[in-house]
Amino acid sequence: MDDSDELLVRIGFSVATQGDLVELRDKLGLSRTALAALIGTSPDSLRKWETGKQGMKRTSAMQVGSWWTAAQKELDKYELSGHDIYELTPVSNVVWQLGVSLATIMRWCTEGELDHEDLGVLGLFIYKYEVKPS
């Protein structure tokens, strides 16, 4: 394992066990299930890491560290462009709020019917003004 891999492992251990993933989930409005899917792990594993009920394997820590590093770059890029992340809601929330399928939301985005942002490893987000409360 080279130095950059070791750094990713340390980052992964740290963000999973020190509350950074929970904080990011809250900031973005993501469920644990949605965040786990983005990282590429199970919601149960993520819960256990976050609560300290299960240690992480080095490979998992590297995966989380790699995702975290990419996620921070996406957030920085979005926020440095003058946008506010709080104007957005995750596509998973919109599916639930509107009671339509993900395929329908994706079609609406592709056809320009919903203003949205693709934040790479963070996933697809819809502008909150597009989701009218029922």
Protein backbone atom coordinates (compact mmCIF):
# COMPACT_ATOMS: atom_id res chain seq x y z
CA MET A 1 0.00 0.00 0.00
CA ASP A 2 1.50 3.35 -1.00
CA ASP A 3 1.28 6.61 0.94
CA SER A 4 -1.80 7.88 -0.91
CA ASP A 5 -3.67 4.63 -0.18
CA GLU A 6 -2.68 4.86 3.47
CA LEU A 7 -3.98 8.43 3.60
CA LEU A 8 -7.33 7.30 2.16
CA VAL A 9 -7.54 4.55 4.79
CA ARG A 10 -6.92 7.08 7.57
CA ILE A 11 -9.48 9.47 6.12
CA GLY A 12 -12.04 6.67 5.82
CA PHE A 13 -11.58 5.52 9.41
CA SER A 14 -11.77 9.08 10.66
CA VAL A 15 -14.86 10.29 8.80
CA ALA A 16 -16.81 7.10 9.53
CA THR A 17 -16.08 7.06 13.25
CA GLN A 18 -15.85 10.77 14.12
CA GLY A 19 -19.30 11.81 12.89
CA ASP A 20 -18.30 13.43 9.61
CA LEU A 21 -20.46 11.10 7.51
CA VAL A 22 -23.47 11.76 9.74
CA GLU A 23 -22.85 15.50 9.48
CA LEU A 24 -22.62 15.31 5.68
CA ARG A 25 -25.80 13.19 5.51
CA ASP A 26 -27.62 15.81 7.54
CA LYS A 27 -26.23 18.69 5.47
CA LEU A 28 -27.29 17.08 2.21
CA GLY A 29 -30.57 15.65 3.46
CA LEU A 30 -29.52 12.11 2.57
CA SER A 31 -30.86 9.04 4.30
CA ARG A 32 -28.39 6.48 5.59
CA THR A 33 -29.59 4.12 2.84
CA ALA A 34 -28.95 6.72 0.13
CA LEU A 35 -25.49 7.56 1.47
CA ALA A 36 -24.57 3.89 1.78
CA ALA A 37 -25.55 3.35 -1.86
CA LEU A 38 -23.35 6.27 -2.95
CA ILE A 39 -20.39 4.94 -0.99
CA GLY A 40 -20.98 1.37 -2.15
CA THR A 41 -21.73 -0.29 1.18
CA SER A 42 -24.76 -1.53 3.06
CA PRO A 43 -26.83 0.75 5.29
CA ASP A 44 -26.27 -1.71 8.13
CA SER A 45 -22.47 -1.49 7.81
CA LEU A 46 -22.65 2.30 7.64
CA ARG A 47 -24.83 2.38 10.78
CA LYS A 48 -22.42 0.11 12.64
CA TRP A 49 -19.40 2.21 11.64
CA GLU A 50 -21.14 5.45 12.60
CA THR A 51 -22.19 4.10 16.01
CA GLY A 52 -18.92 2.31 16.72
CA LYS A 53 -20.62 -1.09 16.88
CA GLN A 54 -18.39 -2.52 14.17
CA GLY A 55 -14.85 -1.79 13.13
CA MET A 56 -13.94 -1.17 9.53
CA LYS A 57 -11.75 -3.31 7.35
CA ARG A 58 -8.92 -1.43 5.68
CA THR A 59 -10.49 -2.01 2.26
CA SER A 60 -13.75 -0.45 3.48
CA ALA A 61 -11.89 2.45 5.05
CA MET A 62 -10.06 3.05 1.76
CA GLN A 63 -13.37 2.94 -0.13
CA VAL A 64 -14.95 5.46 2.28
CA GLY A 65 -11.83 7.65 2.22
CA SER A 66 -11.77 7.67 -1.57
CA TRP A 67 -15.47 8.52 -1.76
CA TRP A 68 -15.14 11.21 0.93
CA THR A 69 -12.25 12.89 -0.87
CA ALA A 70 -14.19 12.97 -4.15
CA ALA A 71 -17.35 14.16 -2.34
CA GLN A 72 -15.50 17.06 -0.74
CA LYS A 73 -14.13 18.10 -4.14
CA GLU A 74 -17.67 18.07 -5.60
CA LEU A 75 -19.03 20.13 -2.70
CA ASP A 76 -16.19 22.62 -2.90
CA LYS A 77 -16.63 22.99 -6.66
CA TYR A 78 -20.38 23.53 -6.30
CA GLU A 79 -20.10 26.00 -3.43
CA LEU A 80 -17.17 27.90 -4.96
CA SER A 81 -19.31 28.48 -8.04
CA GLY A 82 -21.54 30.64 -5.83
CA HIS A 83 -24.28 28.09 -5.20
CA ASP A 84 -25.82 27.09 -1.89
CA ILE A 85 -26.12 23.35 -1.25
CA TYR A 86 -29.15 24.05 0.93
CA GLU A 87 -31.11 25.00 -2.21
CA LEU A 88 -31.01 21.34 -3.25
CA THR A 89 -32.66 18.12 -2.15
CA PRO A 90 -31.49 14.60 -3.02
CA VAL A 91 -33.30 12.82 -5.81
CA SER A 92 -34.16 10.00 -3.39
CA ASN A 93 -36.16 12.49 -1.30
CA VAL A 94 -37.96 13.81 -4.38
CA VAL A 95 -39.00 10.29 -5.38
CA TRP A 96 -40.55 9.86 -1.94
CA GLN A 97 -42.08 13.37 -1.79
CA LEU A 98 -43.70 13.19 -5.22
CA GLY A 99 -44.56 9.51 -5.05
CA VAL A 100 -43.12 8.79 -8.49
CA SER A 101 -40.43 6.42 -9.68
CA LEU A 102 -36.77 7.28 -9.99
CA ALA A 103 -37.09 6.57 -13.72
CA THR A 104 -39.77 9.26 -13.98
CA ILE A 105 -37.62 11.80 -12.11
CA MET A 106 -34.65 10.96 -14.34
CA ARG A 107 -36.79 11.40 -17.45
CA TRP A 108 -38.04 14.77 -16.21
CA CYS A 109 -34.45 15.85 -15.58
CA THR A 110 -33.30 14.66 -18.99
CA GLU A 111 -36.20 16.44 -20.69
CA GLY A 112 -35.47 19.66 -18.80
CA GLU A 113 -38.68 19.55 -16.76
CA LEU A 114 -36.82 19.68 -13.43
CA ASP A 115 -33.91 21.95 -12.58
CA HIS A 116 -31.24 19.76 -11.08
CA GLU A 117 -27.54 19.38 -10.38
CA ASP A 118 -25.46 16.27 -10.90
CA LEU A 119 -22.92 16.38 -8.09
CA GLY A 120 -20.92 13.37 -9.22
CA VAL A 121 -20.23 10.97 -6.35
CA LEU A 122 -22.82 12.83 -4.25
CA GLY A 123 -25.56 11.94 -6.69
CA LEU A 124 -28.35 13.84 -8.39
CA PHE A 125 -30.03 16.74 -6.59
CA ILE A 126 -33.18 18.65 -7.46
CA TYR A 127 -33.69 22.32 -6.66
CA LYS A 128 -36.11 22.58 -3.75
CA TYR A 129 -38.32 25.08 -5.56
CA GLU A 130 -39.17 22.27 -7.98
CA VAL A 131 -40.69 20.17 -5.20
CA LYS A 132 -43.91 21.79 -4.15
CA PRO A 133 -45.35 20.65 -0.83
CA SER A 134 -48.65 18.81 -1.25
